[in-house]
Amino acid sequence: MQIKPQQLKQQLQKGFPPCILLFGDEPFQNVQAIDTIRKIALQAGFAERQTFTADSEFAWETLIEATQTMSLFSDKQLIELHLPTGKPGKVGGQTLLTVIENASADILLVLTGPKAGRDIQNTKWFKTLSQAGIFIPFYAYSGQQLVQWVSQIMQEQGLHFTPDVPPFIANACEGNMLAGYQEVQKLQLLYPQTQITLDICKDAVVEQSRFTMFQLTDLVIQGQGQAAVKMLYRLESEGVEPNAIIWQLIKEWQTLYQVKLAPHNVNWRALGVWGNQQGQYESAARRISEAQLLEAQKHLAHADFIFKNQTIAKPYVLLAHLCLLLTGQSVPELEPF
């Protein structure tokens, strides 16, 4: 069953399905959904949580063992499995089918991954799990939908505001919903009993739109590593959320990899790449080897996972290393952060 992110809480209050699929490239909604699941599941007795990442070194029998092993501390377990590419492969797909065929009311399986295209949604494992459980696709709001979302969360925070405020915040944070949510929280702390006007917003709201991050990714694709690092620290000084940047870097990697694999058969329209940017991606694909791209993928997947599940002391240092990897430069060490 497919539902919208805002329907998740109500759906879980009716009961828990054997599995929940969270797929999409919008990090804020993903994090919110995972937090909601963990909170409600804990209240329902799922006191033990195990987390796995199905990378190239993942042993799928580990998932089988996790679903069959009784916990010493809880009768119910929440098992989270992150699919960095969204594709478990043949062995992984069969394992997931086995798990769902032997589903227990004491096990809640949560799968997370990037946007699930038709190629993924049409696979047997995805169809079976989404029919047995819940599938929630995430995508970044834009335009009037984003304005309505900003207005809604401002109302939920108990704020009073003039009609021109939500469009201003939406414009400043487009493509970065987490930043938009944080800006609303900041306004609530600074002006809890004040009507929020456009003048107040202009003084308080930080520009964190995706268009600023596009400048960063342009530098990365052009191979300008040092300039990209300087841009990163500018974004840090402006308070841009690291999760939004990792999301953008993963999208750039996906585009680069597709261009690298089929340089003469690229569907630029499907990739959303236009005009002179096509030449930049072609140049980048020639400059970066497939081995370098696969190495970058490994580190991007790891960074994406720890950003969502841990507190990183120096997130922008890690982001700087990732940007350099995507320019084709060698980075000797990525740990610890």
C-alpha atoms as a PDB file:
ATOM      1  CA  MET A   1       0.000   0.000   0.000  1.00  0.00           C
ATOM      2  CA  GLN A   2       1.356   3.404  -0.953  1.00  0.00           C
ATOM      3  CA  ILE A   3       0.680   6.358   1.330  1.00  0.00           C
ATOM      4  CA  LYS A   4       1.862   9.953   1.729  1.00  0.00           C
ATOM      5  CA  PRO A   5       4.422  10.908   4.418  1.00  0.00           C
ATOM      6  CA  GLN A   6       1.830  12.855   6.405  1.00  0.00           C
ATOM      7  CA  GLN A   7      -0.368   9.732   6.622  1.00  0.00           C
ATOM      8  CA  LEU A   8       2.276   7.576   8.302  1.00  0.00           C
ATOM      9  CA  LYS A   9       1.498   8.370  11.949  1.00  0.00           C
ATOM     10  CA  GLN A  10      -2.230   7.723  11.550  1.00  0.00           C
ATOM     11  CA  GLN A  11      -1.542   4.491   9.653  1.00  0.00           C
ATOM     12  CA  LEU A  12       0.805   3.142  12.340  1.00  0.00           C
ATOM     13  CA  GLN A  13      -1.696   3.929  15.073  1.00  0.00           C
ATOM     14  CA  LYS A  14      -4.026   1.432  13.383  1.00  0.00           C
ATOM     15  CA  GLY A  15      -1.406  -1.303  13.580  1.00  0.00           C
ATOM     16  CA  PHE A  16       2.019  -2.316  12.307  1.00  0.00           C
ATOM     17  CA  PRO A  17       2.563  -3.961   8.914  1.00  0.00           C
ATOM     18  CA  PRO A  18       5.409  -6.480   8.524  1.00  0.00           C
ATOM     19  CA  CYS A  19       7.475  -3.952   6.579  1.00  0.00           C
ATOM     20  CA  ILE A  20       7.735  -0.276   5.681  1.00  0.00           C
ATOM     21  CA  LEU A  21       9.539   0.984   2.576  1.00  0.00           C
ATOM     22  CA  LEU A  22      10.922   4.551   2.692  1.00  0.00           C
ATOM     23  CA  PHE A  23      12.381   5.577  -0.656  1.00  0.00           C
ATOM     24  CA  GLY A  24      13.235   9.019  -1.974  1.00  0.00           C
ATOM     25  CA  ASP A  25      15.861  11.724  -2.324  1.00  0.00           C
ATOM     26  CA  GLU A  26      14.328  14.213   0.114  1.00  0.00           C
ATOM     27  CA  PRO A  27      16.261  13.782   3.394  1.00  0.00           C
ATOM     28  CA  PHE A  28      14.028  15.783   5.755  1.00  0.00           C
ATOM     29  CA  GLN A  29      10.880  13.717   5.151  1.00  0.00           C
ATOM     30  CA  ASN A  30      12.942  10.528   5.359  1.00  0.00           C
ATOM     31  CA  VAL A  31      14.401  11.447   8.743  1.00  0.00           C
ATOM     32  CA  GLN A  32      10.986  12.546  10.015  1.00  0.00           C
ATOM     33  CA  ALA A  33       9.431   9.252   8.929  1.00  0.00           C
ATOM     34  CA  ILE A  34      12.148   7.154  10.577  1.00  0.00           C
ATOM     35  CA  ASP A  35      11.819   9.143  13.805  1.00  0.00           C
ATOM     36  CA  THR A  36       8.037   8.655  13.746  1.00  0.00           C
ATOM     37  CA  ILE A  37       8.378   4.907  13.199  1.00  0.00           C
ATOM     38  CA  ARG A  38      10.937   4.527  15.983  1.00  0.00           C
ATOM     39  CA  LYS A  39       8.844   6.498  18.468  1.00  0.00           C
ATOM     40  CA  ILE A  40       5.569   4.702  17.810  1.00  0.00           C
ATOM     41  CA  ALA A  41       7.265   1.306  17.532  1.00  0.00           C
ATOM     42  CA  LEU A  42       8.966   1.809  20.898  1.00  0.00           C
ATOM     43  CA  GLN A  43       5.624   2.663  22.483  1.00  0.00           C
ATOM     44  CA  ALA A  44       4.245  -0.565  21.001  1.00  0.00           C
ATOM     45  CA  GLY A  45       6.987  -2.685  22.557  1.00  0.00           C
ATOM     46  CA  PHE A  46       9.610  -2.798  19.815  1.00  0.00           C
ATOM     47  CA  ALA A  47      12.328  -2.084  22.370  1.00  0.00           C
ATOM     48  CA  GLU A  48      15.273  -3.484  20.412  1.00  0.00           C
ATOM     49  CA  ARG A  49      16.537  -1.943  17.173  1.00  0.00           C
ATOM     50  CA  GLN A  50      19.093  -3.339  14.748  1.00  0.00           C
ATOM     51  CA  THR A  51      20.474  -1.353  11.815  1.00  0.00           C
ATOM     52  CA  PHE A  52      22.171  -2.733   8.694  1.00  0.00           C
ATOM     53  CA  THR A  53      23.529  -1.292   5.447  1.00  0.00           C
ATOM     54  CA  ALA A  54      23.306  -3.548   2.398  1.00  0.00           C
ATOM     55  CA  ASP A  55      26.528  -2.475   0.698  1.00  0.00           C
ATOM     56  CA  SER A  56      28.700  -4.695  -1.505  1.00  0.00           C
ATOM     57  CA  GLU A  57      30.159  -6.444   1.550  1.00  0.00           C
ATOM     58  CA  PHE A  58      26.849  -7.115   3.309  1.00  0.00           C
ATOM     59  CA  ALA A  59      26.102 -10.763   4.085  1.00  0.00           C
ATOM     60  CA  TRP A  60      22.390 -11.255   3.478  1.00  0.00           C
ATOM     61  CA  GLU A  61      22.217 -14.231   5.815  1.00  0.00           C
ATOM     62  CA  THR A  62      22.756 -11.653   8.581  1.00  0.00           C
ATOM     63  CA  LEU A  63      19.258 -10.325   7.902  1.00  0.00           C
ATOM     64  CA  ILE A  64      17.768 -13.819   8.091  1.00  0.00           C
ATOM     65  CA  GLU A  65      19.541 -14.429  11.398  1.00  0.00           C
ATOM     66  CA  ALA A  66      18.320 -11.103  12.784  1.00  0.00           C
ATOM     67  CA  THR A  67      14.698 -11.948  12.030  1.00  0.00           C
ATOM     68  CA  GLN A  68      14.987 -15.423  13.549  1.00  0.00           C
ATOM     69  CA  THR A  69      16.996 -14.657  16.674  1.00  0.00           C
ATOM     70  CA  MET A  70      15.060 -14.002  19.857  1.00  0.00           C
ATOM     71  CA  SER A  71      16.138 -10.935  21.802  1.00  0.00           C
ATOM     72  CA  LEU A  72      17.202 -11.197  25.427  1.00  0.00           C
ATOM     73  CA  PHE A  73      15.723  -7.812  26.187  1.00  0.00           C
ATOM     74  CA  SER A  74      12.543  -7.521  24.121  1.00  0.00           C
ATOM     75  CA  ASP A  75       9.932  -9.722  22.471  1.00  0.00           C
ATOM     76  CA  LYS A  76       9.720  -7.313  19.542  1.00  0.00           C
ATOM     77  CA  GLN A  77      12.443  -6.006  17.251  1.00  0.00           C
ATOM     78  CA  LEU A  78      12.714  -3.119  14.823  1.00  0.00           C
ATOM     79  CA  ILE A  79      15.120  -3.947  12.002  1.00  0.00           C
ATOM     80  CA  GLU A  80      16.268  -1.130   9.727  1.00  0.00           C
ATOM     81  CA  LEU A  81      17.952  -1.971   6.434  1.00  0.00           C
ATOM     82  CA  HIS A  82      19.477   0.760   4.273  1.00  0.00           C
ATOM     83  CA  LEU A  83      19.857   0.055   0.534  1.00  0.00           C
ATOM     84  CA  PRO A  84      22.415   2.641  -0.712  1.00  0.00           C
ATOM     85  CA  THR A  85      21.528   2.050  -4.385  1.00  0.00           C
ATOM     86  CA  GLY A  86      17.918   0.996  -3.822  1.00  0.00           C
ATOM     87  CA  LYS A  87      18.721  -2.340  -5.436  1.00  0.00           C
ATOM     88  CA  PRO A  88      19.414  -5.390  -3.241  1.00  0.00           C
ATOM     89  CA  GLY A  89      20.549  -7.547  -6.133  1.00  0.00           C
ATOM     90  CA  LYS A  90      19.408 -11.085  -6.890  1.00  0.00           C
ATOM     91  CA  VAL A  91      20.489 -12.605  -3.561  1.00  0.00           C
ATOM     92  CA  GLY A  92      19.170  -9.652  -1.579  1.00  0.00           C
ATOM     93  CA  GLY A  93      15.861  -9.652  -3.416  1.00  0.00           C
ATOM     94  CA  GLN A  94      15.336 -13.336  -2.718  1.00  0.00           C
ATOM     95  CA  THR A  95      16.313 -12.826   0.919  1.00  0.00           C
ATOM     96  CA  LEU A  96      13.748 -10.061   1.315  1.00  0.00           C
ATOM     97  CA  LEU A  97      11.087 -12.315  -0.188  1.00  0.00           C
ATOM     98  CA  THR A  98      12.025 -15.051   2.270  1.00  0.00           C
ATOM     99  CA  VAL A  99      11.836 -12.624   5.186  1.00  0.00           C
ATOM    100  CA  ILE A 100       8.393 -11.342   4.214  1.00  0.00           C
ATOM    101  CA  GLU A 101       7.063 -14.854   3.541  1.00  0.00           C
ATOM    102  CA  ASN A 102       8.018 -15.764   7.111  1.00  0.00           C
ATOM    103  CA  ALA A 103       6.975 -12.444   8.619  1.00  0.00           C
ATOM    104  CA  SER A 104       6.306 -12.311  12.340  1.00  0.00           C
ATOM    105  CA  ALA A 105       4.223  -9.805  14.268  1.00  0.00           C
ATOM    106  CA  ASP A 106       7.254  -9.418  16.551  1.00  0.00           C
ATOM    107  CA  ILE A 107       9.463  -8.099  13.732  1.00  0.00           C
ATOM    108  CA  LEU A 108       9.094  -4.757  11.965  1.00  0.00           C
ATOM    109  CA  LEU A 109      11.352  -4.388   8.915  1.00  0.00           C
ATOM    110  CA  VAL A 110      12.044  -0.868   7.640  1.00  0.00           C
ATOM    111  CA  LEU A 111      13.812  -0.447   4.296  1.00  0.00           C
ATOM    112  CA  THR A 112      15.295   2.908   3.275  1.00  0.00           C
ATOM    113  CA  GLY A 113      16.876   3.958   0.025  1.00  0.00           C
ATOM    114  CA  PRO A 114      17.085   6.584  -2.719  1.00  0.00           C
ATOM    115  CA  LYS A 115      14.295   7.302  -5.179  1.00  0.00           C
ATOM    116  CA  ALA A 116      12.711   4.067  -6.397  1.00  0.00           C
ATOM    117  CA  GLY A 117      12.144   4.359 -10.116  1.00  0.00           C
ATOM    118  CA  ARG A 118       9.896   2.122 -12.179  1.00  0.00           C
ATOM    119  CA  ASP A 119      12.749  -0.349 -12.667  1.00  0.00           C
ATOM    120  CA  ILE A 120      12.832  -0.922  -8.902  1.00  0.00           C
ATOM    121  CA  GLN A 121       9.088  -0.734  -8.283  1.00  0.00           C
ATOM    122  CA  ASN A 122       8.451  -3.369 -10.949  1.00  0.00           C
ATOM    123  CA  THR A 123      10.716  -5.971  -9.344  1.00  0.00           C
ATOM    124  CA  LYS A 124       9.148  -8.952  -7.593  1.00  0.00           C
ATOM    125  CA  TRP A 125      10.678  -8.188  -4.199  1.00  0.00           C
ATOM    126  CA  PHE A 126       9.480  -4.557  -4.228  1.00  0.00           C
ATOM    127  CA  LYS A 127       5.957  -5.425  -5.350  1.00  0.00           C
ATOM    128  CA  THR A 128       5.665  -8.168  -2.728  1.00  0.00           C
ATOM    129  CA  LEU A 129       6.939  -6.033   0.152  1.00  0.00           C
ATOM    130  CA  SER A 130       4.933  -2.931  -0.801  1.00  0.00           C
ATOM    131  CA  GLN A 131       1.744  -5.004  -1.058  1.00  0.00           C
ATOM    132  CA  ALA A 132       2.392  -6.680   2.285  1.00  0.00           C
ATOM    133  CA  GLY A 133       3.360  -3.435   4.006  1.00  0.00           C
ATOM    134  CA  ILE A 134       3.585   0.313   3.449  1.00  0.00           C
ATOM    135  CA  PHE A 135       5.489   2.185   0.737  1.00  0.00           C
ATOM    136  CA  ILE A 136       6.196   5.895   1.176  1.00  0.00           C
ATOM    137  CA  PRO A 137       7.942   7.763  -1.656  1.00  0.00           C
ATOM    138  CA  PHE A 138       9.648  11.050  -0.768  1.00  0.00           C
ATOM    139  CA  TYR A 139      10.237  13.975  -3.070  1.00  0.00           C
ATOM    140  CA  ALA A 140      11.076  17.610  -2.448  1.00  0.00           C
ATOM    141  CA  TYR A 141       8.127  19.977  -2.543  1.00  0.00           C
ATOM    142  CA  SER A 142       8.323  22.957  -4.846  1.00  0.00           C
ATOM    143  CA  GLY A 143       6.213  25.902  -5.943  1.00  0.00           C
ATOM    144  CA  GLN A 144       2.822  26.307  -4.313  1.00  0.00           C
ATOM    145  CA  GLN A 145       3.047  22.911  -2.633  1.00  0.00           C
ATOM    146  CA  LEU A 146       6.168  24.056  -0.786  1.00  0.00           C
ATOM    147  CA  VAL A 147       4.484  27.347   0.189  1.00  0.00           C
ATOM    148  CA  GLN A 148       1.518  25.428   1.604  1.00  0.00           C
ATOM    149  CA  TRP A 149       3.841  23.148   3.540  1.00  0.00           C
ATOM    150  CA  VAL A 150       5.683  26.120   5.084  1.00  0.00           C
ATOM    151  CA  SER A 151       2.351  27.698   6.008  1.00  0.00           C
ATOM    152  CA  GLN A 152       1.223  24.441   7.627  1.00  0.00           C
ATOM    153  CA  ILE A 153       4.310  23.984   9.810  1.00  0.00           C
ATOM    154  CA  MET A 154       4.178  27.645  10.858  1.00  0.00           C
ATOM    155  CA  GLN A 155       0.599  27.124  12.013  1.00  0.00           C
ATOM    156  CA  GLU A 156       1.627  23.952  13.852  1.00  0.00           C
ATOM    157  CA  GLN A 157       4.268  25.977  15.675  1.00  0.00           C
ATOM    158  CA  GLY A 158       1.579  28.440  16.759  1.00  0.00           C
ATOM    159  CA  LEU A 159       2.967  31.331  14.723  1.00  0.00           C
ATOM    160  CA  HIS A 160       0.977  34.257  13.399  1.00  0.00           C
ATOM    161  CA  PHE A 161       2.244  35.646  10.099  1.00  0.00           C
ATOM    162  CA  THR A 162       1.385  37.825   7.157  1.00  0.00           C
ATOM    163  CA  PRO A 163       0.507  36.099   3.829  1.00  0.00           C
ATOM    164  CA  ASP A 164       3.810  37.070   2.187  1.00  0.00           C
ATOM    165  CA  VAL A 165       5.919  35.181   4.765  1.00  0.00           C
ATOM    166  CA  PRO A 166       5.477  31.518   3.621  1.00  0.00           C
ATOM    167  CA  PRO A 167       6.423  32.308  -0.023  1.00  0.00           C
ATOM    168  CA  PHE A 168       9.546  34.125   1.198  1.00  0.00           C
ATOM    169  CA  ILE A 169      10.660  31.203   3.380  1.00  0.00           C
ATOM    170  CA  ALA A 170       9.815  28.702   0.628  1.00  0.00           C
ATOM    171  CA  ASN A 171      11.932  30.622  -1.870  1.00  0.00           C
ATOM    172  CA  ALA A 172      14.857  30.837   0.558  1.00  0.00           C
ATOM    173  CA  CYS A 173      14.815  27.105   1.325  1.00  0.00           C
ATOM    174  CA  GLU A 174      13.651  25.482  -1.907  1.00  0.00           C
ATOM    175  CA  GLY A 175      15.127  22.026  -2.286  1.00  0.00           C
ATOM    176  CA  ASN A 176      16.089  21.950   1.392  1.00  0.00           C
ATOM    177  CA  MET A 177      12.986  21.222   3.455  1.00  0.00           C
ATOM    178  CA  LEU A 178      14.992  20.526   6.601  1.00  0.00           C
ATOM    179  CA  ALA A 179      16.399  24.053   6.450  1.00  0.00           C
ATOM    180  CA  GLY A 180      12.887  25.424   5.972  1.00  0.00           C
ATOM    181  CA  TYR A 181      11.672  23.550   9.050  1.00  0.00           C
ATOM    182  CA  GLN A 182      14.622  24.831  11.078  1.00  0.00           C
ATOM    183  CA  GLU A 183      13.948  28.407   9.993  1.00  0.00           C
ATOM    184  CA  VAL A 184      10.347  28.122  11.185  1.00  0.00           C
ATOM    185  CA  GLN A 185      11.557  26.736  14.515  1.00  0.00           C
ATOM    186  CA  LYS A 186      13.974  29.651  14.818  1.00  0.00           C
ATOM    187  CA  LEU A 187      11.179  32.148  14.191  1.00  0.00           C
ATOM    188  CA  GLN A 188       9.089  30.444  16.851  1.00  0.00           C
ATOM    189  CA  LEU A 189      11.914  30.825  19.383  1.00  0.00           C
ATOM    190  CA  LEU A 190      12.684  34.438  18.487  1.00  0.00           C
ATOM    191  CA  TYR A 191       9.147  35.756  17.969  1.00  0.00           C
ATOM    192  CA  PRO A 192       6.691  33.479  19.852  1.00  0.00           C
ATOM    193  CA  GLN A 193       4.169  36.254  20.588  1.00  0.00           C
ATOM    194  CA  THR A 194       4.787  38.446  17.543  1.00  0.00           C
ATOM    195  CA  GLN A 195       3.122  38.486  14.163  1.00  0.00           C
ATOM    196  CA  ILE A 196       5.829  37.470  11.694  1.00  0.00           C
ATOM    197  CA  THR A 197       6.156  39.990   8.867  1.00  0.00           C
ATOM    198  CA  LEU A 198       8.239  40.000   5.717  1.00  0.00           C
ATOM    199  CA  ASP A 199      10.669  42.510   7.259  1.00  0.00           C
ATOM    200  CA  ILE A 200      11.238  40.201  10.225  1.00  0.00           C
ATOM    201  CA  CYS A 201      11.878  37.290   7.839  1.00  0.00           C
ATOM    202  CA  LYS A 202      14.383  39.248   5.795  1.00  0.00           C
ATOM    203  CA  ASP A 203      16.410  39.819   8.959  1.00  0.00           C
ATOM    204  CA  ALA A 204      16.043  36.326  10.429  1.00  0.00           C
ATOM    205  CA  VAL A 205      15.820  33.782   7.602  1.00  0.00           C
ATOM    206  CA  VAL A 206      19.047  32.418   6.121  1.00  0.00           C
ATOM    207  CA  GLU A 207      19.244  31.780   2.394  1.00  0.00           C
ATOM    208  CA  GLN A 208      19.579  27.999   2.069  1.00  0.00           C
ATOM    209  CA  SER A 209      17.982  27.260  -1.268  1.00  0.00           C
ATOM    210  CA  ARG A 210      19.145  24.558  -3.605  1.00  0.00           C
ATOM    211  CA  PHE A 211      20.343  27.225  -6.003  1.00  0.00           C
ATOM    212  CA  THR A 212      23.218  27.997  -3.645  1.00  0.00           C
ATOM    213  CA  MET A 213      24.101  24.309  -3.607  1.00  0.00           C
ATOM    214  CA  PHE A 214      23.936  24.231  -7.407  1.00  0.00           C
ATOM    215  CA  GLN A 215      26.928  26.586  -7.395  1.00  0.00           C
ATOM    216  CA  LEU A 216      28.783  24.024  -5.299  1.00  0.00           C
ATOM    217  CA  THR A 217      27.931  21.081  -7.546  1.00  0.00           C
ATOM    218  CA  ASP A 218      28.851  23.086 -10.648  1.00  0.00           C
ATOM    219  CA  LEU A 219      32.339  23.531  -9.188  1.00  0.00           C
ATOM    220  CA  VAL A 220      32.544  19.821  -8.366  1.00  0.00           C
ATOM    221  CA  ILE A 221      31.544  18.772 -11.890  1.00  0.00           C
ATOM    222  CA  GLN A 222      34.048  21.246 -13.347  1.00  0.00           C
ATOM    223  CA  GLY A 223      36.804  19.622 -11.290  1.00  0.00           C
ATOM    224  CA  GLN A 224      37.516  22.776  -9.275  1.00  0.00           C
ATOM    225  CA  GLY A 225      38.239  21.055  -5.988  1.00  0.00           C
ATOM    226  CA  GLN A 226      39.699  23.942  -4.022  1.00  0.00           C
ATOM    227  CA  ALA A 227      36.963  26.337  -5.139  1.00  0.00           C
ATOM    228  CA  ALA A 228      34.356  23.735  -4.153  1.00  0.00           C
ATOM    229  CA  VAL A 229      35.880  23.445  -0.671  1.00  0.00           C
ATOM    230  CA  LYS A 230      35.759  27.236  -0.277  1.00  0.00           C
ATOM    231  CA  MET A 231      32.106  27.225  -1.359  1.00  0.00           C
ATOM    232  CA  LEU A 232      31.389  24.464   1.164  1.00  0.00           C
ATOM    233  CA  TYR A 233      32.666  26.502   4.060  1.00  0.00           C
ATOM    234  CA  ARG A 234      30.642  29.449   2.848  1.00  0.00           C
ATOM    235  CA  LEU A 235      27.574  27.216   3.000  1.00  0.00           C
ATOM    236  CA  GLU A 236      28.581  26.121   6.486  1.00  0.00           C
ATOM    237  CA  SER A 237      28.876  29.728   7.657  1.00  0.00           C
ATOM    238  CA  GLU A 238      25.382  30.357   6.300  1.00  0.00           C
ATOM    239  CA  GLY A 239      24.016  27.434   8.307  1.00  0.00           C
ATOM    240  CA  VAL A 240      23.114  25.128   5.393  1.00  0.00           C
ATOM    241  CA  GLU A 241      22.133  21.671   6.654  1.00  0.00           C
ATOM    242  CA  PRO A 242      24.783  19.020   5.724  1.00  0.00           C
ATOM    243  CA  ASN A 243      22.063  16.440   4.921  1.00  0.00           C
ATOM    244  CA  ALA A 244      20.847  18.648   2.068  1.00  0.00           C
ATOM    245  CA  ILE A 245      24.368  18.797   0.610  1.00  0.00           C
ATOM    246  CA  ILE A 246      24.953  15.046   0.794  1.00  0.00           C
ATOM    247  CA  TRP A 247      21.619  14.555  -0.979  1.00  0.00           C
ATOM    248  CA  GLN A 248      22.775  16.847  -3.805  1.00  0.00           C
ATOM    249  CA  LEU A 249      26.184  15.166  -4.066  1.00  0.00           C
ATOM    250  CA  ILE A 250      24.543  11.741  -4.362  1.00  0.00           C
ATOM    251  CA  LYS A 251      22.370  13.027  -7.214  1.00  0.00           C
ATOM    252  CA  GLU A 252      25.480  14.370  -8.978  1.00  0.00           C
ATOM    253  CA  TRP A 253      27.213  11.028  -8.562  1.00  0.00           C
ATOM    254  CA  GLN A 254      24.236   9.189 -10.058  1.00  0.00           C
ATOM    255  CA  THR A 255      24.288  11.474 -13.110  1.00  0.00           C
ATOM    256  CA  LEU A 256      28.054  11.176 -13.535  1.00  0.00           C
ATOM    257  CA  TYR A 257      27.946   7.401 -13.286  1.00  0.00           C
ATOM    258  CA  GLN A 258      25.243   7.088 -15.932  1.00  0.00           C
ATOM    259  CA  VAL A 259      27.237   9.329 -18.275  1.00  0.00           C
ATOM    260  CA  LYS A 260      30.358   7.278 -17.562  1.00  0.00           C
ATOM    261  CA  LEU A 261      28.640   3.960 -18.320  1.00  0.00           C
ATOM    262  CA  ALA A 262      27.008   5.056 -21.597  1.00  0.00           C
ATOM    263  CA  PRO A 263      28.708   8.253 -22.868  1.00  0.00           C
ATOM    264  CA  HIS A 264      27.164   7.970 -26.337  1.00  0.00           C
ATOM    265  CA  ASN A 265      23.682   6.983 -25.231  1.00  0.00           C
ATOM    266  CA  VAL A 266      22.808   9.477 -22.507  1.00  0.00           C
ATOM    267  CA  ASN A 267      19.185  10.474 -21.958  1.00  0.00           C
ATOM    268  CA  TRP A 268      19.966  14.030 -20.885  1.00  0.00           C
ATOM    269  CA  ARG A 269      16.301  14.910 -20.561  1.00  0.00           C
ATOM    270  CA  ALA A 270      15.691  12.091 -18.080  1.00  0.00           C
ATOM    271  CA  LEU A 271      18.717  13.202 -16.085  1.00  0.00           C
ATOM    272  CA  GLY A 272      17.525  16.804 -16.010  1.00  0.00           C
ATOM    273  CA  VAL A 273      20.731  18.121 -17.595  1.00  0.00           C
ATOM    274  CA  TRP A 274      20.433  20.887 -20.150  1.00  0.00           C
ATOM    275  CA  GLY A 275      22.542  23.015 -22.503  1.00  0.00           C
ATOM    276  CA  ASN A 276      26.207  23.587 -21.778  1.00  0.00           C
ATOM    277  CA  GLN A 277      26.002  21.488 -18.626  1.00  0.00           C
ATOM    278  CA  GLN A 278      26.028  18.392 -20.822  1.00  0.00           C
ATOM    279  CA  GLY A 279      29.567  19.159 -21.942  1.00  0.00           C
ATOM    280  CA  GLN A 280      30.646  19.618 -18.340  1.00  0.00           C
ATOM    281  CA  TYR A 281      29.334  16.191 -17.378  1.00  0.00           C
ATOM    282  CA  GLU A 282      30.984  14.597 -20.422  1.00  0.00           C
ATOM    283  CA  SER A 283      34.310  16.194 -19.494  1.00  0.00           C
ATOM    284  CA  ALA A 284      33.930  15.082 -15.880  1.00  0.00           C
ATOM    285  CA  ALA A 285      33.105  11.512 -16.938  1.00  0.00           C
ATOM    286  CA  ARG A 286      36.267  11.413 -19.051  1.00  0.00           C
ATOM    287  CA  ARG A 287      38.364  12.889 -16.233  1.00  0.00           C
ATOM    288  CA  ILE A 288      37.146  10.484 -13.527  1.00  0.00           C
ATOM    289  CA  SER A 289      37.736   6.747 -13.856  1.00  0.00           C
ATOM    290  CA  GLU A 290      35.038   4.183 -13.136  1.00  0.00           C
ATOM    291  CA  ALA A 291      37.114   2.925 -10.194  1.00  0.00           C
ATOM    292  CA  GLN A 292      37.200   6.445  -8.734  1.00  0.00           C
ATOM    293  CA  LEU A 293      33.441   6.746  -9.147  1.00  0.00           C
ATOM    294  CA  LEU A 294      32.845   3.433  -7.415  1.00  0.00           C
ATOM    295  CA  GLU A 295      35.135   4.520  -4.582  1.00  0.00           C
ATOM    296  CA  ALA A 296      33.191   7.775  -4.298  1.00  0.00           C
ATOM    297  CA  GLN A 297      29.925   5.815  -4.242  1.00  0.00           C
ATOM    298  CA  LYS A 298      31.132   3.739  -1.300  1.00  0.00           C
ATOM    299  CA  HIS A 299      32.028   6.811   0.731  1.00  0.00           C
ATOM    300  CA  LEU A 300      28.858   8.683  -0.238  1.00  0.00           C
ATOM    301  CA  ALA A 301      26.701   5.767   0.886  1.00  0.00           C
ATOM    302  CA  HIS A 302      28.575   5.525   4.172  1.00  0.00           C
ATOM    303  CA  ALA A 303      28.362   9.278   4.759  1.00  0.00           C
ATOM    304  CA  ASP A 304      24.650   9.322   3.940  1.00  0.00           C
ATOM    305  CA  PHE A 305      24.046   6.571   6.478  1.00  0.00           C
ATOM    306  CA  ILE A 306      26.022   8.119   9.332  1.00  0.00           C
ATOM    307  CA  PHE A 307      24.551  11.572   8.675  1.00  0.00           C
ATOM    308  CA  LYS A 308      21.088  10.081   9.184  1.00  0.00           C
ATOM    309  CA  ASN A 309      21.935   7.907  12.147  1.00  0.00           C
ATOM    310  CA  GLN A 310      24.782   9.529  14.070  1.00  0.00           C
ATOM    311  CA  THR A 311      26.028  12.894  15.282  1.00  0.00           C
ATOM    312  CA  ILE A 312      29.046  13.957  13.226  1.00  0.00           C
ATOM    313  CA  ALA A 313      31.544  16.235  14.942  1.00  0.00           C
ATOM    314  CA  LYS A 314      32.927  17.676  11.710  1.00  0.00           C
ATOM    315  CA  PRO A 315      30.332  17.136   8.964  1.00  0.00           C
ATOM    316  CA  TYR A 316      31.765  19.740   6.607  1.00  0.00           C
ATOM    317  CA  VAL A 317      35.219  18.169   6.744  1.00  0.00           C
ATOM    318  CA  LEU A 318      33.643  14.939   5.541  1.00  0.00           C
ATOM    319  CA  LEU A 319      31.692  16.824   2.866  1.00  0.00           C
ATOM    320  CA  ALA A 320      34.920  18.466   1.665  1.00  0.00           C
ATOM    321  CA  HIS A 321      36.536  15.050   1.224  1.00  0.00           C
ATOM    322  CA  LEU A 322      33.498  13.812  -0.703  1.00  0.00           C
ATOM    323  CA  CYS A 323      33.592  16.828  -3.016  1.00  0.00           C
ATOM    324  CA  LEU A 324      37.273  16.201  -3.732  1.00  0.00           C
ATOM    325  CA  LEU A 325      36.532  12.543  -4.479  1.00  0.00           C
ATOM    326  CA  LEU A 326      33.904  13.594  -7.027  1.00  0.00           C
ATOM    327  CA  THR A 327      36.411  15.894  -8.740  1.00  0.00           C
ATOM    328  CA  GLY A 328      38.670  12.876  -9.237  1.00  0.00           C
ATOM    329  CA  GLN A 329      41.248  13.843  -6.631  1.00  0.00           C
ATOM    330  CA  SER A 330      42.790  11.270  -4.335  1.00  0.00           C
ATOM    331  CA  VAL A 331      41.792  11.538  -0.686  1.00  0.00           C
ATOM    332  CA  PRO A 332      44.043   9.428   1.578  1.00  0.00           C
ATOM    333  CA  GLU A 333      41.803   9.216   4.633  1.00  0.00           C
ATOM    334  CA  LEU A 334      38.116   9.833   5.329  1.00  0.00           C
ATOM    335  CA  GLU A 335      37.962   8.681   8.968  1.00  0.00           C
ATOM    336  CA  PRO A 336      37.286   9.614  11.679  1.00  0.00           C
ATOM    337  CA  PHE A 337      34.660  12.359  11.684  1.00  0.00           C
END
